[in-house]
Protein backbone atom coordinates (compact mmCIF):
# COMPACT_ATOMS: atom_id res chain seq x y z
CA MET A 1 0.21 0.11 0.05
CA ASN A 2 3.10 2.52 0.51
CA ASP A 3 2.87 3.46 -3.36
CA SER A 4 -1.05 3.47 -3.53
CA PHE A 5 -2.10 6.90 -3.64
CA GLN A 6 1.00 8.35 -4.94
CA ASN A 7 0.25 11.54 -7.08
CA LYS A 8 -3.25 11.93 -5.36
CA VAL A 9 -4.75 14.10 -3.14
CA ALA A 10 -6.74 12.96 0.38
CA LEU A 11 -8.97 15.62 2.42
CA VAL A 12 -9.48 14.36 5.92
CA THR A 13 -11.87 16.28 8.54
CA GLY A 14 -11.80 15.83 12.10
CA ALA A 15 -7.79 15.51 11.26
CA GLY A 16 -6.23 16.90 14.85
CA SER A 17 -6.40 13.74 16.68
CA GLY A 18 -7.75 10.02 16.93
CA MET A 19 -8.87 8.11 13.82
CA GLY A 20 -8.96 11.14 11.50
CA LEU A 21 -4.92 12.43 12.60
CA THR A 22 -4.24 8.64 12.10
CA THR A 23 -5.69 8.34 8.47
CA ALA A 24 -4.03 11.78 7.66
CA LYS A 25 -1.07 10.09 8.30
CA ALA A 26 -1.44 7.15 6.36
CA PHE A 27 -2.59 8.65 3.28
CA ALA A 28 0.66 11.07 3.67
CA ALA A 29 2.60 7.44 4.24
CA ALA A 30 1.03 6.10 1.42
CA GLY A 31 2.36 8.36 -0.97
CA ALA A 32 -0.65 11.21 -0.97
CA ALA A 33 -0.39 14.80 -0.17
CA VAL A 34 -3.05 15.70 2.07
CA ALA A 35 -5.48 18.13 3.44
CA LEU A 36 -5.89 18.29 7.47
CA LEU A 37 -9.19 20.06 8.30
CA GLY A 38 -10.34 21.01 12.09
CA ASP A 39 -12.17 23.02 14.14
CA HIS A 40 -8.90 23.17 16.60
CA GLU A 41 -6.69 24.93 13.74
CA ASP A 42 -3.43 24.51 16.75
CA GLU A 43 -3.79 20.61 16.29
CA VAL A 44 -4.12 20.15 12.73
CA ARG A 45 -1.07 22.99 11.96
CA THR A 46 0.74 20.86 14.28
CA ALA A 47 0.15 17.68 12.58
CA ALA A 48 0.18 19.10 9.17
CA ASP A 49 4.01 20.81 10.22
CA GLU A 50 5.15 17.44 11.35
CA LEU A 51 4.06 15.55 7.60
CA THR A 52 5.94 18.37 5.89
CA ARG A 53 9.11 18.29 8.10
CA THR A 54 9.18 14.51 7.21
CA GLY A 55 8.82 15.30 3.92
CA HIS A 56 5.40 14.76 3.03
CA LYS A 57 2.71 17.39 1.34
CA ALA A 58 0.17 18.32 4.24
CA LEU A 59 -2.38 21.55 4.27
CA ALA A 60 -3.62 22.71 7.71
CA ILE A 61 -7.35 24.29 7.20
CA ARG A 62 -9.53 25.34 10.52
CA CYS A 63 -12.77 24.44 9.19
CA ASP A 64 -16.42 23.69 11.29
CA VAL A 65 -18.29 21.17 8.92
CA ALA A 66 -21.09 22.41 10.20
CA ASP A 67 -20.64 25.71 8.37
CA GLU A 68 -21.41 25.17 4.64
CA ARG A 69 -19.72 28.38 3.52
CA GLN A 70 -15.94 27.46 5.66
CA VAL A 71 -16.43 23.28 3.97
CA GLU A 72 -16.83 25.27 0.50
CA ALA A 73 -14.01 26.95 1.59
CA ALA A 74 -11.52 24.50 2.76
CA VAL A 75 -12.20 21.90 -0.19
CA ALA A 76 -11.24 25.08 -3.09
CA GLN A 77 -8.51 25.93 -0.61
CA THR A 78 -7.05 22.23 -0.64
CA VAL A 79 -7.89 21.93 -4.62
CA ALA A 80 -6.11 25.39 -4.61
CA ALA A 81 -3.03 24.15 -3.18
CA PHE A 82 -2.95 20.61 -4.88
CA GLY A 83 -4.79 20.56 -8.20
CA ARG A 84 -7.38 17.81 -7.26
CA LEU A 85 -9.47 15.72 -4.94
CA ASP A 86 -8.94 12.06 -5.14
CA ALA A 87 -10.35 10.88 -1.57
CA ALA A 88 -11.88 12.33 1.37
CA PHE A 89 -12.37 10.76 4.77
CA ASN A 90 -15.75 12.57 6.40
CA ASN A 91 -14.50 11.79 9.81
CA ALA A 92 -15.29 14.81 11.93
CA GLY A 93 -17.95 13.75 14.97
CA ILE A 94 -19.21 14.36 18.29
CA GLN A 95 -20.75 12.21 20.82
CA SER A 96 -23.41 13.46 23.06
CA PRO A 97 -24.27 12.24 26.75
CA ILE A 98 -26.93 9.53 27.94
CA ALA A 99 -30.33 11.11 27.74
CA GLU A 100 -33.66 9.03 27.21
CA THR A 101 -35.52 10.66 24.27
CA ALA A 102 -38.13 12.46 26.33
CA ASP A 103 -35.44 14.07 28.27
CA ALA A 104 -32.82 15.01 25.60
CA SER A 105 -32.92 18.72 24.46
CA SER A 106 -33.74 20.35 21.00
CA GLU A 107 -30.02 22.16 21.21
CA GLU A 108 -28.67 18.93 21.68
CA PHE A 109 -29.81 17.38 19.13
CA ASP A 110 -29.04 20.04 16.79
CA ARG A 111 -25.75 20.27 18.14
CA VAL A 112 -24.82 16.54 17.22
CA ASN A 113 -26.30 16.64 14.37
CA GLY A 114 -24.96 19.41 12.68
CA ILE A 115 -21.65 18.07 13.07
CA ASN A 116 -22.30 14.52 12.90
CA LEU A 117 -25.13 14.60 9.98
CA ARG A 118 -25.05 17.72 8.23
CA GLY A 119 -21.58 18.45 8.70
CA VAL A 120 -20.83 14.81 6.40
CA TRP A 121 -23.48 16.18 3.67
CA ASN A 122 -21.62 19.67 3.82
CA CYS A 123 -18.50 18.03 2.84
CA MET A 124 -19.82 15.59 0.70
CA LYS A 125 -21.61 18.33 -1.55
CA TYR A 126 -18.56 20.23 -2.67
CA GLU A 127 -16.37 17.26 -2.52
CA LEU A 128 -18.32 15.90 -4.97
CA ARG A 129 -18.68 19.08 -7.14
CA GLN A 130 -15.10 18.71 -7.42
CA MET A 131 -15.04 14.88 -7.84
CA ARG A 132 -17.53 15.38 -10.96
CA GLU A 133 -15.94 17.82 -12.62
CA GLN A 134 -12.66 15.54 -12.45
CA GLY A 135 -14.72 12.20 -13.24
CA SER A 136 -13.16 10.18 -10.76
CA GLY A 137 -13.03 10.09 -6.54
CA ALA A 138 -13.54 7.78 -3.29
CA ILE A 139 -15.36 9.03 -0.23
CA VAL A 140 -15.58 7.51 2.79
CA ASN A 141 -17.98 9.03 5.52
CA ASN A 142 -17.58 7.75 9.13
CA SER A 143 -20.27 6.60 10.76
CA SER A 144 -20.55 3.74 13.88
CA ILE A 145 -21.78 0.84 15.00
CA GLY A 146 -24.32 3.27 16.23
CA GLY A 147 -25.48 3.80 12.48
CA LEU A 148 -26.74 -0.39 12.44
CA VAL A 149 -27.95 -0.48 16.06
CA GLY A 150 -29.61 0.86 18.89
CA ILE A 151 -28.56 1.86 22.12
CA ALA A 152 -30.72 2.84 25.09
CA GLY A 153 -30.29 6.46 25.91
CA ARG A 154 -28.02 7.15 22.73
CA GLY A 155 -30.84 7.75 20.51
CA VAL A 156 -29.70 11.81 19.46
CA TYR A 157 -26.24 10.14 18.36
CA HIS A 158 -27.38 7.43 16.79
CA ALA A 159 -30.14 9.40 15.28
CA SER A 160 -27.29 11.20 13.49
CA LYS A 161 -24.73 8.23 12.60
CA HIS A 162 -27.52 6.10 10.71
CA GLY A 163 -28.39 9.33 8.85
CA VAL A 164 -25.03 8.90 7.28
CA LEU A 165 -25.65 5.94 6.30
CA GLY A 166 -28.54 6.39 4.55
CA LEU A 167 -26.75 9.84 2.81
CA THR A 168 -24.10 7.81 1.78
CA LYS A 169 -25.95 4.87 0.01
CA SER A 170 -28.24 6.99 -1.64
CA ALA A 171 -25.63 9.53 -2.89
CA SER A 172 -23.53 6.21 -3.95
CA LEU A 173 -26.23 5.28 -6.44
CA GLU A 174 -25.81 9.00 -7.93
CA TYR A 175 -22.27 8.72 -8.91
CA ALA A 176 -21.08 4.94 -8.76
CA ALA A 177 -21.15 5.27 -13.10
CA ARG A 178 -19.54 8.57 -13.16
CA GLY A 179 -16.28 7.09 -11.62
CA ILE A 180 -16.96 7.91 -7.85
CA ARG A 181 -17.35 5.66 -5.21
CA ILE A 182 -19.12 6.36 -1.67
CA ASN A 183 -19.11 3.96 0.95
CA ALA A 184 -19.01 4.39 4.71
CA VAL A 185 -17.00 2.89 7.75
CA CYS A 186 -18.75 1.88 11.19
CA PRO A 187 -16.13 1.90 13.87
CA GLY A 188 -16.79 0.23 17.51
CA THR A 189 -15.16 1.06 20.78
CA ILE A 190 -12.12 2.89 19.30
CA GLU A 191 -9.23 3.89 21.62
CA THR A 192 -9.55 7.78 20.94
CA PRO A 193 -9.95 10.97 22.98
CA MET A 194 -13.58 11.07 22.72
CA VAL A 195 -13.75 7.64 23.59
CA THR A 196 -11.30 8.10 26.90
CA GLY A 197 -13.71 10.93 27.63
CA MET A 198 -16.77 8.67 27.61
CA LEU A 199 -14.61 6.27 30.05
CA GLU A 200 -14.10 8.75 32.32
CA ARG A 201 -17.64 10.34 32.52
CA GLU A 202 -19.61 6.79 31.89
CA PRO A 203 -17.61 4.00 33.20
CA ASP A 204 -20.19 0.90 33.85
CA ALA A 205 -21.73 2.27 30.55
CA MET A 206 -18.59 1.87 28.81
CA LYS A 207 -17.41 -1.24 30.75
CA GLU A 208 -20.73 -2.79 29.58
CA ILE A 209 -19.68 -2.46 25.79
CA MET A 210 -16.10 -3.82 26.53
CA ARG A 211 -17.40 -6.52 27.81
CA VAL A 212 -19.92 -7.68 25.34
CA THR A 213 -17.25 -7.23 22.30
CA PRO A 214 -16.35 -10.48 21.83
CA ILE A 215 -12.36 -9.52 20.97
CA GLY A 216 -12.31 -8.38 24.29
CA ARG A 217 -10.29 -4.75 23.38
CA LEU A 218 -10.33 -1.49 22.28
CA GLY A 219 -9.92 -0.96 18.66
CA ARG A 220 -6.84 1.42 17.74
CA PRO A 221 -6.78 4.09 15.24
CA GLU A 222 -5.14 2.36 12.54
CA GLU A 223 -7.67 -0.28 12.06
CA ILE A 224 -9.59 2.03 11.03
CA ALA A 225 -7.05 4.03 8.50
CA SER A 226 -6.37 0.88 7.30
CA ALA A 227 -10.11 0.10 6.50
CA VAL A 228 -10.47 3.72 5.18
CA LEU A 229 -7.51 3.70 2.41
CA TRP A 230 -8.34 0.29 1.32
CA LEU A 231 -12.01 1.56 0.43
CA CYS A 232 -10.61 4.90 -1.29
CA SER A 233 -7.56 2.42 -3.31
CA GLU A 234 -8.18 0.64 -6.87
CA GLY A 235 -8.58 -2.67 -4.72
CA ALA A 236 -11.74 -1.44 -3.49
CA GLY A 237 -13.07 -0.44 -7.41
CA PHE A 238 -16.23 -2.38 -7.06
CA VAL A 239 -17.24 -1.84 -3.77
CA ILE A 240 -20.38 0.79 -3.63
CA GLY A 241 -22.71 1.78 -0.85
CA HIS A 242 -21.32 -0.41 1.35
CA ALA A 243 -21.09 0.36 5.47
CA LEU A 244 -17.79 -1.58 6.65
CA VAL A 245 -17.70 -2.68 10.18
CA VAL A 246 -14.69 -2.76 12.02
CA ASP A 247 -15.91 -3.28 15.97
CA GLY A 248 -14.45 -6.11 17.05
CA GLY A 249 -17.46 -8.58 16.46
CA TYR A 250 -19.78 -6.51 18.71
CA THR A 251 -22.67 -5.88 15.90
CA VAL A 252 -22.47 -9.86 14.78
CA GLN A 253 -23.89 -11.38 17.89
C-alpha cells in the first residue's frame, strides 16, 4: 500500500486527533498530499507541520464542518493547493451524553446532528462537485456501530449516525456510474480521545460495551485508517455504498 496513493490528493476532516489524524498520516505515508481539516487550528497545524517536516505534502485548514461556507472554502483551498481531490474521509463527529429520548434537549439534537450528519452532507456536497468535474474520486464517511444498532440513551447520536448511512447509500447510487465511489466505515469502540472521555464520564456504560465486545479490547485508530485507505484504493473498485464494520465482533452477536 505504500505507493498506492502516489500523486493523489486526500482530504480528512476531524484530522487533529484520533481516527482522523491517524488516517491523514496513513494517506501521507501511502504517498498522498493531504489536507487536514479540523475545528482546532493548532491541532491540525501541528500535525501538518510534522508531516511537512518529514517530507510529505500537507495542508492545515481550520474548518467547522457544520458551517457550509467554511467547508466550501476548505475544499476550494485544497484544490487550489494540490490541483485535485481524489479521496476524502469525512470523519469529524461528536458524541452526546446519555439521555432518554423524552429528556434530550433540542439544542443537543441540533448540535450533534449539525456536525455528525449535516457536516457530512456539507463535505460531500463540495467534494462531489470537484470529483464530478474530474470524473473520479472516492469518499468514505465515518458512521459508527451506532449507525447499525440502537442503544438506550443514545438516540440523538444514533440518529445522526443512521443518517450518515442513508446519505452514503443514496449518494453512492447517484455517482457510481460516474467514476466516484462512496462508502462508509462503522467503527466500534476505538481508542480515541472521545472514547477516553466517555470512559471517564460513564465508566459503567463503557464497561458493559467492552464486556460484550468479542475481541475483548478497544480498537486501534490504525485499524480504522487501514479500512478507509482500502475503501479509497483501486482494490475496492467494485465496492459501492457499503458500510464496512470494524468493531471487534460487537454487531455480529
